[in-house]
Amino acid sequence: MITVDHLSKVYRVHKRPPGVAAALRSVFKRKFEPVQALDDLSFAIAAGERVGFLGPNGAGKTTTLKILSGLLHPTSGTATVAGYVPQQRAVDFLRTITLVMGQKQQLLWDLPPSETYALNRALYDLSRKEAQETQSQLVELLEIGDLVNKPTRQLSLGERMKCELVAALLHRPRVLFLDEPTIGLDVSMQARIRLFIKDYNERFQATVILTSHYMEDVAALCPRVIVIDKGRLIYDGALKELVHRIRPEKRLTIRLSAPADRQQLERLGAVASHTDTQVVLTVPVARVSETLRAALSTLAVLDLAVEDPPLEEVMRELFKSGTATRPAAGGAG
């Protein structure tokens, strides 16, 4: 569904020192510096996949999504989406994709979302029956009811984001580019949006590329992740494999009914945190069963949980290393 082959993007950035004299000089003669946003980036994504597209700020994530949606032209390399070349902006290509950016909106501020839906129906040349059927399905999935008839300015951030998704998906796109779709939302609203995206993907077999700094979004939605840094690919493969490769250990959270001696805990594993009522241990995967038996026999255990290390820590270590850790087979794509 999506192929990216040796894609590069270089911006020409105007830079000048501060001051009025420098500003006047820049009117007649400007100096530009090249900034490499993408550097020989290649990957492929199959139809129906949900893929996390991750990287630190400035890694080139949004630039890539804008190239794939046809808003930017690459400096070199090629990209195709559903068989189309994005920058050609073919009408059928535009009917195939949608780009949702959590920090930008398409809803008309002083009008209800239903007016934007009517406008989008005309732009995509949808029949009234088809558009109404899709709108009703999306409104039901998102549980927004009569909110579509209230002025956009009267909606909360979470309500606006839900209405934005209806506008973006009214033409039933087969490819979703989602750039920080849950930014600024509270925890319950983030969970609702994630559930909706997963349901849409499964119902319509849509391909989803998601960028997010909320690792809960990635963990809940994306079995596969593509990670870039400074415009270059550093990982492409299963999320679980990335976690196990960077942090080959498990985290044991144990709730206690009585305090435990720290030396006693250190014999079980590395102590990540410790209070009178709870302890968190870091244990190699091979020793999890042994550690659980020892903990249950020596500690006053009320409850325990075995989890992977937090994804935020895994990503931080990956970016810190700055080296590619790509599966030999080239990932899941």
C-alpha atoms as a PDB file:
ATOM      1  CA  MET A   1       0.000   0.000   0.000  1.00  0.00           C
ATOM      2  CA  ILE A   2       2.870   2.407   0.818  1.00  0.00           C
ATOM      3  CA  THR A   3       6.428   2.268  -0.473  1.00  0.00           C
ATOM      4  CA  VAL A   4       9.228   4.710   0.318  1.00  0.00           C
ATOM      5  CA  ASP A   5      12.468   4.225  -1.605  1.00  0.00           C
ATOM      6  CA  HIS A   6      15.648   6.172  -0.761  1.00  0.00           C
ATOM      7  CA  LEU A   7      13.640   9.261   0.128  1.00  0.00           C
ATOM      8  CA  SER A   8      15.514  12.468   0.965  1.00  0.00           C
ATOM      9  CA  LYS A   9      14.333  15.995   1.710  1.00  0.00           C
ATOM     10  CA  VAL A  10      16.580  19.026   2.065  1.00  0.00           C
ATOM     11  CA  TYR A  11      15.198  22.418   3.084  1.00  0.00           C
ATOM     12  CA  ARG A  12      16.903  25.699   2.235  1.00  0.00           C
ATOM     13  CA  VAL A  13      16.685  27.732   5.431  1.00  0.00           C
ATOM     14  CA  HIS A  14      17.303  31.485   5.485  1.00  0.00           C
ATOM     15  CA  LYS A  15      19.419  32.518   8.460  1.00  0.00           C
ATOM     16  CA  ARG A  16      20.549  35.981   9.458  1.00  0.00           C
ATOM     17  CA  PRO A  17      21.884  37.625  12.602  1.00  0.00           C
ATOM     18  CA  PRO A  18      19.568  39.873  14.623  1.00  0.00           C
ATOM     19  CA  GLY A  19      19.422  43.603  14.087  1.00  0.00           C
ATOM     20  CA  VAL A  20      17.933  46.167  11.712  1.00  0.00           C
ATOM     21  CA  ALA A  21      21.011  46.355   9.456  1.00  0.00           C
ATOM     22  CA  ALA A  22      21.027  42.586   8.964  1.00  0.00           C
ATOM     23  CA  ALA A  23      17.303  42.672   8.215  1.00  0.00           C
ATOM     24  CA  LEU A  24      17.800  45.331   5.525  1.00  0.00           C
ATOM     25  CA  ARG A  25      20.707  43.441   3.966  1.00  0.00           C
ATOM     26  CA  SER A  26      18.605  40.288   3.823  1.00  0.00           C
ATOM     27  CA  VAL A  27      16.058  42.095   1.625  1.00  0.00           C
ATOM     28  CA  PHE A  28      18.646  42.309  -1.183  1.00  0.00           C
ATOM     29  CA  LYS A  29      20.875  39.347  -0.473  1.00  0.00           C
ATOM     30  CA  ARG A  30      19.918  36.270   1.473  1.00  0.00           C
ATOM     31  CA  LYS A  31      22.088  33.466   2.701  1.00  0.00           C
ATOM     32  CA  PHE A  32      20.602  30.009   2.821  1.00  0.00           C
ATOM     33  CA  GLU A  33      21.791  26.910   4.633  1.00  0.00           C
ATOM     34  CA  PRO A  34      20.754  23.360   3.709  1.00  0.00           C
ATOM     35  CA  VAL A  35      18.928  21.377   6.411  1.00  0.00           C
ATOM     36  CA  GLN A  36      18.601  17.620   5.854  1.00  0.00           C
ATOM     37  CA  ALA A  37      15.138  16.582   7.050  1.00  0.00           C
ATOM     38  CA  LEU A  38      15.141  13.076   5.509  1.00  0.00           C
ATOM     39  CA  ASP A  39      18.213  11.086   4.558  1.00  0.00           C
ATOM     40  CA  ASP A  40      17.892   7.994   2.324  1.00  0.00           C
ATOM     41  CA  LEU A  41      14.720   6.720   4.027  1.00  0.00           C
ATOM     42  CA  SER A  42      13.192   3.447   2.799  1.00  0.00           C
ATOM     43  CA  PHE A  43      10.338   1.256   4.071  1.00  0.00           C
ATOM     44  CA  ALA A  44       7.166  -0.496   2.884  1.00  0.00           C
ATOM     45  CA  ILE A  45       3.773  -0.900   4.554  1.00  0.00           C
ATOM     46  CA  ALA A  46       1.149  -3.472   3.556  1.00  0.00           C
ATOM     47  CA  ALA A  47      -2.580  -2.837   3.256  1.00  0.00           C
ATOM     48  CA  GLY A  48      -4.411  -2.979   6.579  1.00  0.00           C
ATOM     49  CA  GLU A  49      -1.308  -2.527   8.768  1.00  0.00           C
ATOM     50  CA  ARG A  50      -1.215  -0.210  11.778  1.00  0.00           C
ATOM     51  CA  VAL A  51       2.304   1.168  12.041  1.00  0.00           C
ATOM     52  CA  GLY A  52       3.782   3.542  14.598  1.00  0.00           C
ATOM     53  CA  PHE A  53       6.081   6.130  13.023  1.00  0.00           C
ATOM     54  CA  LEU A  54       8.332   7.308  15.824  1.00  0.00           C
ATOM     55  CA  GLY A  55      11.281   9.573  16.475  1.00  0.00           C
ATOM     56  CA  PRO A  56      12.365  12.549  18.588  1.00  0.00           C
ATOM     57  CA  ASN A  57      11.336  16.108  17.750  1.00  0.00           C
ATOM     58  CA  GLY A  58      12.880  17.141  14.442  1.00  0.00           C
ATOM     59  CA  ALA A  59      13.450  13.549  13.297  1.00  0.00           C
ATOM     60  CA  GLY A  60      11.466  14.064  10.068  1.00  0.00           C
ATOM     61  CA  LYS A  61       8.161  12.372  10.938  1.00  0.00           C
ATOM     62  CA  THR A  62       5.823  15.178   9.862  1.00  0.00           C
ATOM     63  CA  THR A  63       7.936  15.862   6.765  1.00  0.00           C
ATOM     64  CA  THR A  64       7.502  12.216   5.744  1.00  0.00           C
ATOM     65  CA  LEU A  65       3.733  12.317   6.264  1.00  0.00           C
ATOM     66  CA  LYS A  66       3.468  15.529   4.247  1.00  0.00           C
ATOM     67  CA  ILE A  67       5.419  13.943   1.383  1.00  0.00           C
ATOM     68  CA  LEU A  68       3.228  10.826   1.506  1.00  0.00           C
ATOM     69  CA  SER A  69       0.086  12.985   1.443  1.00  0.00           C
ATOM     70  CA  GLY A  70       1.390  15.082  -1.460  1.00  0.00           C
ATOM     71  CA  LEU A  71       1.881  18.354   0.419  1.00  0.00           C
ATOM     72  CA  LEU A  72       5.668  18.339  -0.080  1.00  0.00           C
ATOM     73  CA  HIS A  73       7.923  17.192  -2.899  1.00  0.00           C
ATOM     74  CA  PRO A  74      10.950  15.059  -2.018  1.00  0.00           C
ATOM     75  CA  THR A  75      14.411  16.291  -2.967  1.00  0.00           C
ATOM     76  CA  SER A  76      15.292  12.801  -4.202  1.00  0.00           C
ATOM     77  CA  GLY A  77      13.948   9.272  -4.017  1.00  0.00           C
ATOM     78  CA  THR A  78      10.418   8.051  -4.659  1.00  0.00           C
ATOM     79  CA  ALA A  79       7.230   7.312  -2.728  1.00  0.00           C
ATOM     80  CA  THR A  80       3.969   5.680  -3.754  1.00  0.00           C
ATOM     81  CA  VAL A  81       0.681   5.356  -1.881  1.00  0.00           C
ATOM     82  CA  ALA A  82      -1.933   2.903  -3.164  1.00  0.00           C
ATOM     83  CA  GLY A  83      -0.117   2.960  -6.502  1.00  0.00           C
ATOM     84  CA  TYR A  84      -0.192   6.766  -6.810  1.00  0.00           C
ATOM     85  CA  VAL A  85       2.696   9.232  -6.755  1.00  0.00           C
ATOM     86  CA  PRO A  86       1.614  11.604  -3.955  1.00  0.00           C
ATOM     87  CA  GLN A  87       2.971  14.890  -5.331  1.00  0.00           C
ATOM     88  CA  GLN A  88       0.920  14.461  -8.520  1.00  0.00           C
ATOM     89  CA  ARG A  89      -2.186  14.980  -6.342  1.00  0.00           C
ATOM     90  CA  ALA A  90      -4.462  12.849  -8.522  1.00  0.00           C
ATOM     91  CA  VAL A  91      -8.139  13.122  -7.599  1.00  0.00           C
ATOM     92  CA  ASP A  92      -8.449   9.385  -6.935  1.00  0.00           C
ATOM     93  CA  PHE A  93      -5.352   9.556  -4.715  1.00  0.00           C
ATOM     94  CA  LEU A  94      -6.902  12.339  -2.618  1.00  0.00           C
ATOM     95  CA  ARG A  95     -10.025  10.207  -2.205  1.00  0.00           C
ATOM     96  CA  THR A  96      -7.828   7.357  -0.945  1.00  0.00           C
ATOM     97  CA  ILE A  97      -6.020   9.169   1.899  1.00  0.00           C
ATOM     98  CA  THR A  98      -6.584  11.453   4.827  1.00  0.00           C
ATOM     99  CA  LEU A  99      -4.146  13.427   6.977  1.00  0.00           C
ATOM    100  CA  VAL A 100      -5.160  14.234  10.550  1.00  0.00           C
ATOM    101  CA  MET A 101      -2.903  16.615  12.476  1.00  0.00           C
ATOM    102  CA  GLY A 102      -3.756  17.009  16.134  1.00  0.00           C
ATOM    103  CA  GLN A 103      -2.549  20.621  16.220  1.00  0.00           C
ATOM    104  CA  LYS A 104      -4.508  21.769  13.155  1.00  0.00           C
ATOM    105  CA  GLN A 105      -8.204  21.691  12.420  1.00  0.00           C
ATOM    106  CA  GLN A 106     -10.444  21.836   9.384  1.00  0.00           C
ATOM    107  CA  LEU A 107     -13.707  22.506  11.210  1.00  0.00           C
ATOM    108  CA  LEU A 108     -15.196  25.962  10.625  1.00  0.00           C
ATOM    109  CA  TRP A 109     -14.896  27.779  13.949  1.00  0.00           C
ATOM    110  CA  ASP A 110     -18.241  29.605  14.070  1.00  0.00           C
ATOM    111  CA  LEU A 111     -20.293  26.906  12.356  1.00  0.00           C
ATOM    112  CA  PRO A 112     -21.336  23.460  13.566  1.00  0.00           C
ATOM    113  CA  PRO A 113     -19.289  20.445  12.357  1.00  0.00           C
ATOM    114  CA  SER A 114     -22.258  19.332  10.245  1.00  0.00           C
ATOM    115  CA  GLU A 115     -21.572  22.310   7.937  1.00  0.00           C
ATOM    116  CA  THR A 116     -17.985  21.133   7.415  1.00  0.00           C
ATOM    117  CA  TYR A 117     -19.301  17.650   6.664  1.00  0.00           C
ATOM    118  CA  ALA A 118     -21.612  19.104   3.991  1.00  0.00           C
ATOM    119  CA  LEU A 119     -18.656  20.980   2.481  1.00  0.00           C
ATOM    120  CA  ASN A 120     -16.492  17.838   2.457  1.00  0.00           C
ATOM    121  CA  ARG A 121     -19.321  15.869   0.837  1.00  0.00           C
ATOM    122  CA  ALA A 122     -19.296  18.357  -2.033  1.00  0.00           C
ATOM    123  CA  LEU A 123     -15.475  18.423  -2.270  1.00  0.00           C
ATOM    124  CA  TYR A 124     -15.252  14.649  -2.521  1.00  0.00           C
ATOM    125  CA  ASP A 125     -18.312  14.454  -4.785  1.00  0.00           C
ATOM    126  CA  LEU A 126     -20.096  12.031  -2.473  1.00  0.00           C
ATOM    127  CA  SER A 127     -23.785  11.249  -2.860  1.00  0.00           C
ATOM    128  CA  ARG A 128     -25.967  12.612  -0.085  1.00  0.00           C
ATOM    129  CA  LYS A 129     -27.051   9.075   0.854  1.00  0.00           C
ATOM    130  CA  GLU A 130     -23.479   7.735   1.001  1.00  0.00           C
ATOM    131  CA  ALA A 131     -22.205  10.683   3.037  1.00  0.00           C
ATOM    132  CA  GLN A 132     -25.094  10.516   5.484  1.00  0.00           C
ATOM    133  CA  GLU A 133     -24.639   6.781   5.968  1.00  0.00           C
ATOM    134  CA  THR A 134     -20.911   7.168   6.681  1.00  0.00           C
ATOM    135  CA  GLN A 135     -21.491  10.163   8.950  1.00  0.00           C
ATOM    136  CA  SER A 136     -24.085   8.247  10.970  1.00  0.00           C
ATOM    137  CA  GLN A 137     -21.706   5.289  11.397  1.00  0.00           C
ATOM    138  CA  LEU A 138     -18.814   7.501  12.523  1.00  0.00           C
ATOM    139  CA  VAL A 139     -20.986   9.582  14.857  1.00  0.00           C
ATOM    140  CA  GLU A 140     -22.233   6.362  16.464  1.00  0.00           C
ATOM    141  CA  LEU A 141     -18.724   4.909  16.806  1.00  0.00           C
ATOM    142  CA  LEU A 142     -17.443   8.103  18.423  1.00  0.00           C
ATOM    143  CA  GLU A 143     -20.601   8.636  20.514  1.00  0.00           C
ATOM    144  CA  ILE A 144     -20.888  12.338  19.693  1.00  0.00           C
ATOM    145  CA  GLY A 145     -24.637  12.491  18.938  1.00  0.00           C
ATOM    146  CA  ASP A 146     -25.947  16.072  18.658  1.00  0.00           C
ATOM    147  CA  LEU A 147     -22.503  17.630  19.113  1.00  0.00           C
ATOM    148  CA  VAL A 148     -22.246  17.847  15.315  1.00  0.00           C
ATOM    149  CA  ASN A 149     -24.969  20.517  15.401  1.00  0.00           C
ATOM    150  CA  LYS A 150     -23.284  22.779  17.982  1.00  0.00           C
ATOM    151  CA  PRO A 151     -20.919  25.585  16.882  1.00  0.00           C
ATOM    152  CA  THR A 152     -17.350  24.302  16.863  1.00  0.00           C
ATOM    153  CA  ARG A 153     -16.180  27.093  19.221  1.00  0.00           C
ATOM    154  CA  GLN A 154     -18.525  25.726  21.917  1.00  0.00           C
ATOM    155  CA  LEU A 155     -16.987  22.246  21.870  1.00  0.00           C
ATOM    156  CA  SER A 156     -14.267  21.011  24.202  1.00  0.00           C
ATOM    157  CA  LEU A 157     -10.914  19.933  22.790  1.00  0.00           C
ATOM    158  CA  GLY A 158     -11.853  16.265  22.996  1.00  0.00           C
ATOM    159  CA  GLU A 159     -15.242  16.852  21.376  1.00  0.00           C
ATOM    160  CA  ARG A 160     -13.594  18.847  18.576  1.00  0.00           C
ATOM    161  CA  MET A 161     -11.075  16.068  17.953  1.00  0.00           C
ATOM    162  CA  LYS A 162     -13.870  13.533  17.596  1.00  0.00           C
ATOM    163  CA  CYS A 163     -15.704  15.789  15.157  1.00  0.00           C
ATOM    164  CA  GLU A 164     -12.435  16.331  13.263  1.00  0.00           C
ATOM    165  CA  LEU A 165     -12.130  12.568  12.776  1.00  0.00           C
ATOM    166  CA  VAL A 166     -15.612  12.391  11.259  1.00  0.00           C
ATOM    167  CA  ALA A 167     -14.694  15.173   8.811  1.00  0.00           C
ATOM    168  CA  ALA A 168     -11.425  13.440   7.914  1.00  0.00           C
ATOM    169  CA  LEU A 169     -13.021  10.023   7.379  1.00  0.00           C
ATOM    170  CA  LEU A 170     -16.266  11.025   5.695  1.00  0.00           C
ATOM    171  CA  HIS A 171     -14.982   9.802   2.300  1.00  0.00           C
ATOM    172  CA  ARG A 172     -13.886   6.467   3.830  1.00  0.00           C
ATOM    173  CA  PRO A 173     -10.169   6.739   3.054  1.00  0.00           C
ATOM    174  CA  ARG A 174      -8.130   3.540   2.810  1.00  0.00           C
ATOM    175  CA  VAL A 175      -4.938   5.192   4.105  1.00  0.00           C
ATOM    176  CA  LEU A 176      -4.815   7.217   7.345  1.00  0.00           C
ATOM    177  CA  PHE A 177      -1.893   9.482   8.192  1.00  0.00           C
ATOM    178  CA  LEU A 178      -2.363  10.417  11.856  1.00  0.00           C
ATOM    179  CA  ASP A 179       0.015  13.025  13.265  1.00  0.00           C
ATOM    180  CA  GLU A 180      -0.407  13.339  17.056  1.00  0.00           C
ATOM    181  CA  PRO A 181      -4.194  12.701  16.962  1.00  0.00           C
ATOM    182  CA  THR A 182      -4.529  12.574  20.776  1.00  0.00           C
ATOM    183  CA  ILE A 183      -2.347  15.570  21.671  1.00  0.00           C
ATOM    184  CA  GLY A 184      -3.782  17.616  24.533  1.00  0.00           C
ATOM    185  CA  LEU A 185      -6.573  15.138  25.313  1.00  0.00           C
ATOM    186  CA  ASP A 186      -7.235  13.682  28.745  1.00  0.00           C
ATOM    187  CA  VAL A 187      -6.556  10.006  29.456  1.00  0.00           C
ATOM    188  CA  SER A 188     -10.134   8.789  28.945  1.00  0.00           C
ATOM    189  CA  MET A 189     -10.488  10.698  25.668  1.00  0.00           C
ATOM    190  CA  GLN A 190      -7.157   9.320  24.417  1.00  0.00           C
ATOM    191  CA  ALA A 191      -8.415   5.802  25.112  1.00  0.00           C
ATOM    192  CA  ARG A 192     -11.665   6.520  23.251  1.00  0.00           C
ATOM    193  CA  ILE A 193      -9.821   7.859  20.192  1.00  0.00           C
ATOM    194  CA  ARG A 194      -7.469   4.846  20.179  1.00  0.00           C
ATOM    195  CA  LEU A 195     -10.433   2.457  20.318  1.00  0.00           C
ATOM    196  CA  PHE A 196     -12.088   4.288  17.429  1.00  0.00           C
ATOM    197  CA  ILE A 197      -8.953   4.187  15.240  1.00  0.00           C
ATOM    198  CA  LYS A 198      -8.549   0.461  15.840  1.00  0.00           C
ATOM    199  CA  ASP A 199     -12.206  -0.178  15.068  1.00  0.00           C
ATOM    200  CA  TYR A 200     -12.021   1.840  11.826  1.00  0.00           C
ATOM    201  CA  ASN A 201      -8.869  -0.024  10.780  1.00  0.00           C
ATOM    202  CA  GLU A 202     -10.486  -3.422  11.343  1.00  0.00           C
ATOM    203  CA  ARG A 203     -13.872  -2.493   9.877  1.00  0.00           C
ATOM    204  CA  PHE A 204     -12.555  -0.973   6.623  1.00  0.00           C
ATOM    205  CA  GLN A 205      -9.128  -2.694   6.399  1.00  0.00           C
ATOM    206  CA  ALA A 206      -7.553   0.759   6.329  1.00  0.00           C
ATOM    207  CA  THR A 207      -3.792   1.278   6.502  1.00  0.00           C
ATOM    208  CA  VAL A 208      -2.751   3.469   9.436  1.00  0.00           C
ATOM    209  CA  ILE A 209       0.491   5.371  10.036  1.00  0.00           C
ATOM    210  CA  LEU A 210       0.514   6.958  13.481  1.00  0.00           C
ATOM    211  CA  THR A 211       2.960   9.438  14.958  1.00  0.00           C
ATOM    212  CA  SER A 212       2.594  10.191  18.649  1.00  0.00           C
ATOM    213  CA  HIS A 213       4.683  11.157  21.653  1.00  0.00           C
ATOM    214  CA  TYR A 214       2.172   9.295  23.836  1.00  0.00           C
ATOM    215  CA  MET A 215       3.618   5.797  23.981  1.00  0.00           C
ATOM    216  CA  GLU A 216       0.263   4.457  25.187  1.00  0.00           C
ATOM    217  CA  ASP A 217      -1.105   5.242  21.711  1.00  0.00           C
ATOM    218  CA  VAL A 218       1.679   3.258  20.078  1.00  0.00           C
ATOM    219  CA  ALA A 219       1.493   0.295  22.469  1.00  0.00           C
ATOM    220  CA  ALA A 220      -2.288   0.022  22.068  1.00  0.00           C
ATOM    221  CA  LEU A 221      -2.462   0.427  18.296  1.00  0.00           C
ATOM    222  CA  CYS A 222       0.786  -0.507  16.571  1.00  0.00           C
ATOM    223  CA  PRO A 223       2.205  -4.056  16.440  1.00  0.00           C
ATOM    224  CA  ARG A 224       4.942  -2.680  14.167  1.00  0.00           C
ATOM    225  CA  VAL A 225       6.996   0.481  14.533  1.00  0.00           C
ATOM    226  CA  ILE A 226       9.279   2.419  12.195  1.00  0.00           C
ATOM    227  CA  VAL A 227      11.745   4.600  14.100  1.00  0.00           C
ATOM    228  CA  ILE A 228      13.736   7.418  12.513  1.00  0.00           C
ATOM    229  CA  ASP A 229      16.285   9.839  13.921  1.00  0.00           C
ATOM    230  CA  LYS A 230      17.839  12.781  12.075  1.00  0.00           C
ATOM    231  CA  GLY A 231      15.916  11.670   9.004  1.00  0.00           C
ATOM    232  CA  ARG A 232      17.447   8.181   8.906  1.00  0.00           C
ATOM    233  CA  LEU A 233      15.852   4.822   9.617  1.00  0.00           C
ATOM    234  CA  ILE A 234      17.123   3.238  12.840  1.00  0.00           C
ATOM    235  CA  TYR A 235      14.531   0.488  13.374  1.00  0.00           C
ATOM    236  CA  ASP A 236      11.746  -1.204  11.407  1.00  0.00           C
ATOM    237  CA  GLY A 237      10.030  -4.207  12.940  1.00  0.00           C
ATOM    238  CA  ALA A 238       7.808  -5.583  15.679  1.00  0.00           C
ATOM    239  CA  LEU A 239       7.323  -3.374  18.719  1.00  0.00           C
ATOM    240  CA  LYS A 240       7.777  -6.304  21.116  1.00  0.00           C
ATOM    241  CA  GLU A 241      11.047  -7.258  19.460  1.00  0.00           C
ATOM    242  CA  LEU A 242      12.328  -3.694  19.838  1.00  0.00           C
ATOM    243  CA  VAL A 243      11.473  -3.700  23.549  1.00  0.00           C
ATOM    244  CA  HIS A 244      13.174  -7.054  24.133  1.00  0.00           C
ATOM    245  CA  ARG A 245      16.218  -6.083  22.096  1.00  0.00           C
ATOM    246  CA  ILE A 246      16.833  -2.765  23.880  1.00  0.00           C
ATOM    247  CA  ARG A 247      15.697  -3.876  27.353  1.00  0.00           C
ATOM    248  CA  PRO A 248      15.867  -7.715  27.636  1.00  0.00           C
ATOM    249  CA  GLU A 249      14.215  -7.747  31.039  1.00  0.00           C
ATOM    250  CA  LYS A 250      10.864  -7.658  32.813  1.00  0.00           C
ATOM    251  CA  ARG A 251       9.571  -5.285  35.459  1.00  0.00           C
ATOM    252  CA  LEU A 252       7.953  -6.868  38.532  1.00  0.00           C
ATOM    253  CA  THR A 253       5.639  -4.648  40.546  1.00  0.00           C
ATOM    254  CA  ILE A 254       4.896  -6.171  43.960  1.00  0.00           C
ATOM    255  CA  ARG A 255       2.366  -4.776  46.452  1.00  0.00           C
ATOM    256  CA  LEU A 256       3.251  -5.630  50.036  1.00  0.00           C
ATOM    257  CA  SER A 257       1.186  -6.055  53.207  1.00  0.00           C
ATOM    258  CA  ALA A 258       4.324  -5.532  55.331  1.00  0.00           C
ATOM    259  CA  PRO A 259       7.592  -3.655  54.693  1.00  0.00           C
ATOM    260  CA  ALA A 260      10.505  -5.632  53.228  1.00  0.00           C
ATOM    261  CA  ASP A 261      14.224  -5.236  53.916  1.00  0.00           C
ATOM    262  CA  ARG A 262      16.088  -3.661  50.977  1.00  0.00           C
ATOM    263  CA  GLN A 263      18.921  -6.206  51.127  1.00  0.00           C
ATOM    264  CA  GLN A 264      16.346  -8.949  50.907  1.00  0.00           C
ATOM    265  CA  LEU A 265      14.838  -7.270  47.821  1.00  0.00           C
ATOM    266  CA  GLU A 266      18.235  -6.818  46.166  1.00  0.00           C
ATOM    267  CA  ARG A 267      18.767 -10.549  46.330  1.00  0.00           C
ATOM    268  CA  LEU A 268      15.680 -10.927  44.122  1.00  0.00           C
ATOM    269  CA  GLY A 269      16.668  -8.387  41.456  1.00  0.00           C
ATOM    270  CA  ALA A 270      17.628  -4.777  40.743  1.00  0.00           C
ATOM    271  CA  VAL A 271      15.410  -2.459  42.802  1.00  0.00           C
ATOM    272  CA  ALA A 272      13.903   0.272  40.580  1.00  0.00           C
ATOM    273  CA  SER A 273      11.784   1.764  43.384  1.00  0.00           C
ATOM    274  CA  HIS A 274      10.938   0.822  46.952  1.00  0.00           C
ATOM    275  CA  THR A 275       8.371   1.930  49.554  1.00  0.00           C
ATOM    276  CA  ASP A 276       6.855   0.161  52.574  1.00  0.00           C
ATOM    277  CA  THR A 277       3.853  -0.932  50.480  1.00  0.00           C
ATOM    278  CA  GLN A 278       5.283  -1.457  47.004  1.00  0.00           C
ATOM    279  CA  VAL A 279       8.497  -2.485  45.295  1.00  0.00           C
ATOM    280  CA  VAL A 280       9.449  -2.509  41.617  1.00  0.00           C
ATOM    281  CA  LEU A 281      12.171  -4.961  40.521  1.00  0.00           C
ATOM    282  CA  THR A 282      14.002  -5.236  37.199  1.00  0.00           C
ATOM    283  CA  VAL A 283      14.724  -8.878  36.372  1.00  0.00           C
ATOM    284  CA  PRO A 284      16.241 -10.646  33.321  1.00  0.00           C
ATOM    285  CA  VAL A 285      13.587 -12.536  31.352  1.00  0.00           C
ATOM    286  CA  ALA A 286      15.248 -15.901  32.046  1.00  0.00           C
ATOM    287  CA  ARG A 287      14.960 -15.351  35.823  1.00  0.00           C
ATOM    288  CA  VAL A 288      11.317 -14.196  36.024  1.00  0.00           C
ATOM    289  CA  SER A 289       9.847 -17.535  37.146  1.00  0.00           C
ATOM    290  CA  GLU A 290      12.585 -18.056  39.726  1.00  0.00           C
ATOM    291  CA  THR A 291      12.153 -14.524  41.082  1.00  0.00           C
ATOM    292  CA  LEU A 292       8.387 -14.892  41.333  1.00  0.00           C
ATOM    293  CA  ARG A 293       8.739 -18.091  43.385  1.00  0.00           C
ATOM    294  CA  ALA A 294      11.280 -16.467  45.684  1.00  0.00           C
ATOM    295  CA  ALA A 295       9.159 -13.343  46.137  1.00  0.00           C
ATOM    296  CA  LEU A 296       6.042 -15.326  47.010  1.00  0.00           C
ATOM    297  CA  SER A 297       7.939 -17.455  49.528  1.00  0.00           C
ATOM    298  CA  THR A 298       9.883 -14.639  51.249  1.00  0.00           C
ATOM    299  CA  LEU A 299       7.720 -11.488  51.013  1.00  0.00           C
ATOM    300  CA  ALA A 300       4.269 -10.522  52.293  1.00  0.00           C
ATOM    301  CA  VAL A 301       2.799 -10.265  48.806  1.00  0.00           C
ATOM    302  CA  LEU A 302      -0.659  -8.771  48.307  1.00  0.00           C
ATOM    303  CA  ASP A 303      -0.491  -8.512  44.533  1.00  0.00           C
ATOM    304  CA  LEU A 304       2.075  -8.583  41.744  1.00  0.00           C
ATOM    305  CA  ALA A 305       2.322  -7.782  38.051  1.00  0.00           C
ATOM    306  CA  VAL A 306       4.886  -8.698  35.400  1.00  0.00           C
ATOM    307  CA  GLU A 307       5.309  -6.125  32.605  1.00  0.00           C
ATOM    308  CA  ASP A 308       7.704  -5.045  29.886  1.00  0.00           C
ATOM    309  CA  PRO A 309       9.848  -1.983  30.694  1.00  0.00           C
ATOM    310  CA  PRO A 310       8.061   1.326  29.947  1.00  0.00           C
ATOM    311  CA  LEU A 311       8.158   2.094  26.235  1.00  0.00           C
ATOM    312  CA  GLU A 312       9.337   5.639  26.979  1.00  0.00           C
ATOM    313  CA  GLU A 313      12.534   4.217  28.519  1.00  0.00           C
ATOM    314  CA  VAL A 314      13.090   1.905  25.556  1.00  0.00           C
ATOM    315  CA  MET A 315      12.747   4.765  23.061  1.00  0.00           C
ATOM    316  CA  ARG A 316      15.005   7.012  25.128  1.00  0.00           C
ATOM    317  CA  GLU A 317      17.757   4.381  25.105  1.00  0.00           C
ATOM    318  CA  LEU A 318      17.327   3.781  21.379  1.00  0.00           C
ATOM    319  CA  PHE A 319      17.655   7.498  20.577  1.00  0.00           C
ATOM    320  CA  LYS A 320      20.597   7.804  22.960  1.00  0.00           C
ATOM    321  CA  SER A 321      22.474   4.999  21.213  1.00  0.00           C
ATOM    322  CA  GLY A 322      21.787   6.614  17.834  1.00  0.00           C
ATOM    323  CA  THR A 323      22.543   3.349  16.020  1.00  0.00           C
ATOM    324  CA  ALA A 324      20.367   1.308  13.696  1.00  0.00           C
ATOM    325  CA  THR A 325      18.907  -1.849  15.209  1.00  0.00           C
ATOM    326  CA  ARG A 326      17.043  -3.211  12.237  1.00  0.00           C
ATOM    327  CA  PRO A 327      15.840  -6.824  11.996  1.00  0.00           C
ATOM    328  CA  ALA A 328      17.776  -8.832   9.437  1.00  0.00           C
ATOM    329  CA  ALA A 329      14.622  -9.580   7.471  1.00  0.00           C
ATOM    330  CA  GLY A 330      13.862  -5.890   7.043  1.00  0.00           C
ATOM    331  CA  GLY A 331      11.001  -5.626   9.501  1.00  0.00           C
ATOM    332  CA  ALA A 332       7.363  -6.633   9.257  1.00  0.00           C
ATOM    333  CA  GLY A 333       6.739  -4.815   6.015  1.00  0.00           C
END
